C-alpha atoms as a PDB file:
ATOM      1  CA  MET A   1     120.113 120.579  31.209  1.00  0.00           C
ATOM      2  CA  HIS A   2     117.795 117.721  31.035  1.00  0.00           C
ATOM      3  CA  ILE A   3     117.876 114.504  33.683  1.00  0.00           C
ATOM      4  CA  PRO A   4     116.039 111.908  31.892  1.00  0.00           C
ATOM      5  CA  VAL A   5     114.134 110.115  34.623  1.00  0.00           C
ATOM      6  CA  ILE A   6     113.453 106.290  34.085  1.00  0.00           C
ATOM      7  CA  PRO A   7     110.060 105.075  34.996  1.00  0.00           C
ATOM      8  CA  GLY A   8     111.166 102.291  37.311  1.00  0.00           C
ATOM      9  CA  ASN A   9     112.804 104.765  39.834  1.00  0.00           C
ATOM     10  CA  ALA A  10     109.816 107.711  39.609  1.00  0.00           C
ATOM     11  CA  ILE A  11     107.583 104.590  40.876  1.00  0.00           C
ATOM     12  CA  GLY A  12     109.963 103.515  43.218  1.00  0.00           C
ATOM     13  CA  TYR A  13     110.307 107.250  44.982  1.00  0.00           C
ATOM     14  CA  ARG A  14     106.292 107.618  45.074  1.00  0.00           C
ATOM     15  CA  PHE A  15     106.229 104.428  46.856  1.00  0.00           C
ATOM     16  CA  ILE A  16     108.998 105.488  49.204  1.00  0.00           C
ATOM     17  CA  GLY A  17     107.273 108.918  49.377  1.00  0.00           C
ATOM     18  CA  LEU A  18     103.587 107.647  50.162  1.00  0.00           C
ATOM     19  CA  CYS A  19     105.467 105.067  53.352  1.00  0.00           C
ATOM     20  CA  LEU A  20     106.938 107.726  54.780  1.00  0.00           C
ATOM     21  CA  ILE A  21     103.679 109.774  54.508  1.00  0.00           C
ATOM     22  CA  TYR A  22     101.273 106.713  55.910  1.00  0.00           C
ATOM     23  CA  ALA A  23     104.080 105.947  58.647  1.00  0.00           C
ATOM     24  CA  LEU A  24     104.211 109.437  59.983  1.00  0.00           C
ATOM     25  CA  SER A  25     100.084 111.094  59.339  1.00  0.00           C
ATOM     26  CA  PRO A  26      99.208 108.845  62.721  1.00  0.00           C
ATOM     27  CA  ALA A  27     101.857 111.052  64.715  1.00  0.00           C
ATOM     28  CA  ILE A  28     101.118 114.624  62.879  1.00  0.00           C
ATOM     29  CA  GLN A  29      97.332 113.701  63.778  1.00  0.00           C
ATOM     30  CA  ALA A  30      97.708 113.084  67.530  1.00  0.00           C
ATOM     31  CA  GLN A  31      99.352 116.492  68.067  1.00  0.00           C
ATOM     32  CA  THR A  32      96.740 118.311  65.988  1.00  0.00           C
ATOM     33  CA  HIS A  33      93.391 116.808  67.860  1.00  0.00           C
ATOM     34  CA  LEU A  34      92.668 117.483  71.234  1.00  0.00           C
ATOM     35  CA  ASP A  35      90.350 114.579  73.616  1.00  0.00           C
ATOM     36  CA  PRO A  36      86.221 116.622  73.803  1.00  0.00           C
ATOM     37  CA  THR A  37      86.328 114.723  77.042  1.00  0.00           C
ATOM     38  CA  ARG A  38      89.685 115.839  78.903  1.00  0.00           C
ATOM     39  CA  PRO A  39      88.535 118.814  81.485  1.00  0.00           C
ATOM     40  CA  ALA A  40      89.948 121.736  80.406  1.00  0.00           C
ATOM     41  CA  PRO A  41      93.294 122.820  82.676  1.00  0.00           C
ATOM     42  CA  ILE A  42      93.030 124.418  85.779  1.00  0.00           C
ATOM     43  CA  ALA A  43      95.638 127.417  86.332  1.00  0.00           C
ATOM     44  CA  THR A  44      98.125 126.781  89.317  1.00  0.00           C
ATOM     45  CA  GLN A  45      99.634 129.726  90.891  1.00  0.00           C
ATOM     46  CA  VAL A  46     101.476 129.790  94.184  1.00  0.00           C
ATOM     47  CA  LEU A  47     102.293 132.926  95.792  1.00  0.00           C
ATOM     48  CA  THR A  48     104.858 133.873  98.872  1.00  0.00           C
ATOM     49  CA  GLY A  49     102.577 135.344 101.090  1.00  0.00           C
ATOM     50  CA  GLU A  50     104.628 138.867 101.132  1.00  0.00           C
ATOM     51  CA  GLY A  51     101.970 141.043 100.209  1.00  0.00           C
ATOM     52  CA  GLY A  52      98.495 141.975 102.203  1.00  0.00           C
ATOM     53  CA  LYS A  53      97.087 145.099 102.996  1.00  0.00           C
ATOM     54  CA  ASP A  54     100.243 147.219 102.237  1.00  0.00           C
ATOM     55  CA  GLY A  55     102.120 144.804  99.373  1.00  0.00           C
ATOM     56  CA  GLY A  56     100.556 145.047  96.529  1.00  0.00           C
ATOM     57  CA  GLY A  57      97.143 143.814  96.831  1.00  0.00           C
ATOM     58  CA  GLN A  58      98.036 140.043  96.851  1.00  0.00           C
ATOM     59  CA  PRO A  59      96.605 138.200  99.739  1.00  0.00           C
ATOM     60  CA  ARG A  60      98.968 137.660 102.953  1.00  0.00           C
ATOM     61  CA  VAL A  61      98.545 134.596 104.807  1.00  0.00           C
ATOM     62  CA  SER A  62      99.855 135.702 108.620  1.00  0.00           C
ATOM     63  CA  ALA A  63      98.862 133.065 110.932  1.00  0.00           C
ATOM     64  CA  VAL A  64      98.172 129.445 110.590  1.00  0.00           C
ATOM     65  CA  PHE A  65      95.775 127.505 113.696  1.00  0.00           C
ATOM     66  CA  ILE A  66      95.983 123.925 113.568  1.00  0.00           C
ATOM     67  CA  ASN A  67      94.615 121.595 116.460  1.00  0.00           C
ATOM     68  CA  ASP A  68      92.685 118.315 116.356  1.00  0.00           C
ATOM     69  CA  SER A  69      89.055 119.617 115.136  1.00  0.00           C
ATOM     70  CA  ASN A  70      89.628 123.109 113.572  1.00  0.00           C
ATOM     71  CA  LYS A  71      92.054 124.348 110.935  1.00  0.00           C
ATOM     72  CA  HIS A  72      91.824 128.704 110.955  1.00  0.00           C
ATOM     73  CA  ALA A  73      94.271 130.909 108.810  1.00  0.00           C
ATOM     74  CA  ILE A  74      94.541 134.467 108.879  1.00  0.00           C
ATOM     75  CA  VAL A  75      94.401 135.983 105.465  1.00  0.00           C
ATOM     76  CA  ASN A  76      94.593 139.781 105.180  1.00  0.00           C
ATOM     77  CA  GLY A  77      93.272 139.974 108.756  1.00  0.00           C
ATOM     78  CA  GLN A  78      90.725 138.162 108.179  1.00  0.00           C
ATOM     79  CA  LEU A  79      90.130 134.780 110.240  1.00  0.00           C
ATOM     80  CA  LEU A  80      89.290 132.023 107.226  1.00  0.00           C
ATOM     81  CA  SER A  81      88.509 128.371 107.923  1.00  0.00           C
ATOM     82  CA  GLU A  82      88.068 125.528 104.979  1.00  0.00           C
ATOM     83  CA  GLY A  83      85.030 125.057 102.902  1.00  0.00           C
ATOM     84  CA  GLN A  84      83.929 128.807 103.551  1.00  0.00           C
ATOM     85  CA  ASN A  85      84.377 131.386 101.112  1.00  0.00           C
ATOM     86  CA  TRP A  86      86.030 134.389 100.850  1.00  0.00           C
ATOM     87  CA  HIS A  87      86.365 136.698  97.455  1.00  0.00           C
ATOM     88  CA  GLY A  88      85.143 135.247  94.805  1.00  0.00           C
ATOM     89  CA  PHE A  89      87.321 131.629  95.894  1.00  0.00           C
ATOM     90  CA  GLU A  90      86.541 128.331  98.390  1.00  0.00           C
ATOM     91  CA  VAL A  91      89.322 127.625 100.923  1.00  0.00           C
ATOM     92  CA  LEU A  92      90.479 124.442  99.904  1.00  0.00           C
ATOM     93  CA  GLU A  93      92.881 123.871 102.528  1.00  0.00           C
ATOM     94  CA  ILE A  94      94.673 124.972 105.851  1.00  0.00           C
ATOM     95  CA  ASN A  95      97.537 123.120 106.217  1.00  0.00           C
ATOM     96  CA  PRO A  96     101.239 124.612 108.439  1.00  0.00           C
ATOM     97  CA  SER A  97     103.050 125.786 105.146  1.00  0.00           C
ATOM     98  CA  GLY A  98      99.482 128.494 104.091  1.00  0.00           C
ATOM     99  CA  VAL A  99      96.089 128.397 102.534  1.00  0.00           C
ATOM    100  CA  VAL A 100      94.799 126.948  99.650  1.00  0.00           C
ATOM    101  CA  LEU A 101      91.903 128.637  97.965  1.00  0.00           C
ATOM    102  CA  VAL A 102      90.106 127.384  94.740  1.00  0.00           C
ATOM    103  CA  SER A 103      87.645 129.285  92.104  1.00  0.00           C
ATOM    104  CA  GLN A 104      86.529 129.002  88.200  1.00  0.00           C
ATOM    105  CA  GLU A 105      90.013 130.217  87.387  1.00  0.00           C
ATOM    106  CA  GLY A 106      91.993 128.213  88.987  1.00  0.00           C
ATOM    107  CA  GLN A 107      93.610 127.311  92.376  1.00  0.00           C
ATOM    108  CA  LEU A 108      96.148 129.823  94.513  1.00  0.00           C
ATOM    109  CA  THR A 109      98.433 128.592  97.164  1.00  0.00           C
ATOM    110  CA  ILE A 110      99.838 131.307  99.270  1.00  0.00           C
ATOM    111  CA  LEU A 111     102.567 130.639 101.393  1.00  0.00           C
ATOM    112  CA  ILE A 112     102.914 131.866 105.137  1.00  0.00           C
ATOM    113  CA  ASP A 113     104.462 135.251 105.176  1.00  0.00           C
ATOM    114  CA  LYS A 114     108.165 134.147 107.132  1.00  0.00           C
ATOM    115  CA  ASN A 115     108.918 137.728 107.287  1.00  0.00           C
ATOM    116  CA  LEU A 116     106.433 137.606 110.189  1.00  0.00           C
ATOM    117  CA  HIS A 117     107.395 136.376 113.186  1.00  0.00           C
ATOM    118  CA  ILE A 118     105.316 134.194 114.696  1.00  0.00           C
ATOM    119  CA  LYS A 119     105.471 131.519 117.304  1.00  0.00           C
ATOM    120  CA  LYS A 120     104.968 128.179 116.324  1.00  0.00           C
ATOM    121  CA  ASP A 121     103.196 125.012 117.745  1.00  0.00           C
ATOM    122  CA  ALA A 122     102.456 127.051 120.099  1.00  0.00           C
ATOM    123  CA  GLU A 123      99.189 125.832 122.399  1.00  0.00           C
ATOM    124  CA  ASN A 124      96.504 127.824 123.032  1.00  0.00           C
ATOM    125  CA  GLY A 125      93.498 126.158 122.908  1.00  0.00           C
ATOM    126  CA  PHE A 126      92.438 127.531 119.674  1.00  0.00           C
END
């Protein structure tokens, strides 16, 4: 069975098709082109701190010492301070929750190990 094509309708369908392609092309192009000036995304990883020497090789924060002039943390038994380099990471921040490390590969936040029995807010003149 052959369906006859009416010339007026064919032009109308082509016109509608071209309008749809024209209308949708900016949305399609926006999804396929990346901004070359945008910095590459930095991977961020958060560890709970339940690692360390005997915990599968993950770093473990066992203590954080913060006073008016100093911020220190014990990570895998080593005393660290902000700005110090440690195993290819820079200690970016030490806060009451843990330690933030940064490297070329991304950012790593290690939360203090809550399984340890640590006295909080102790005044020891550290």
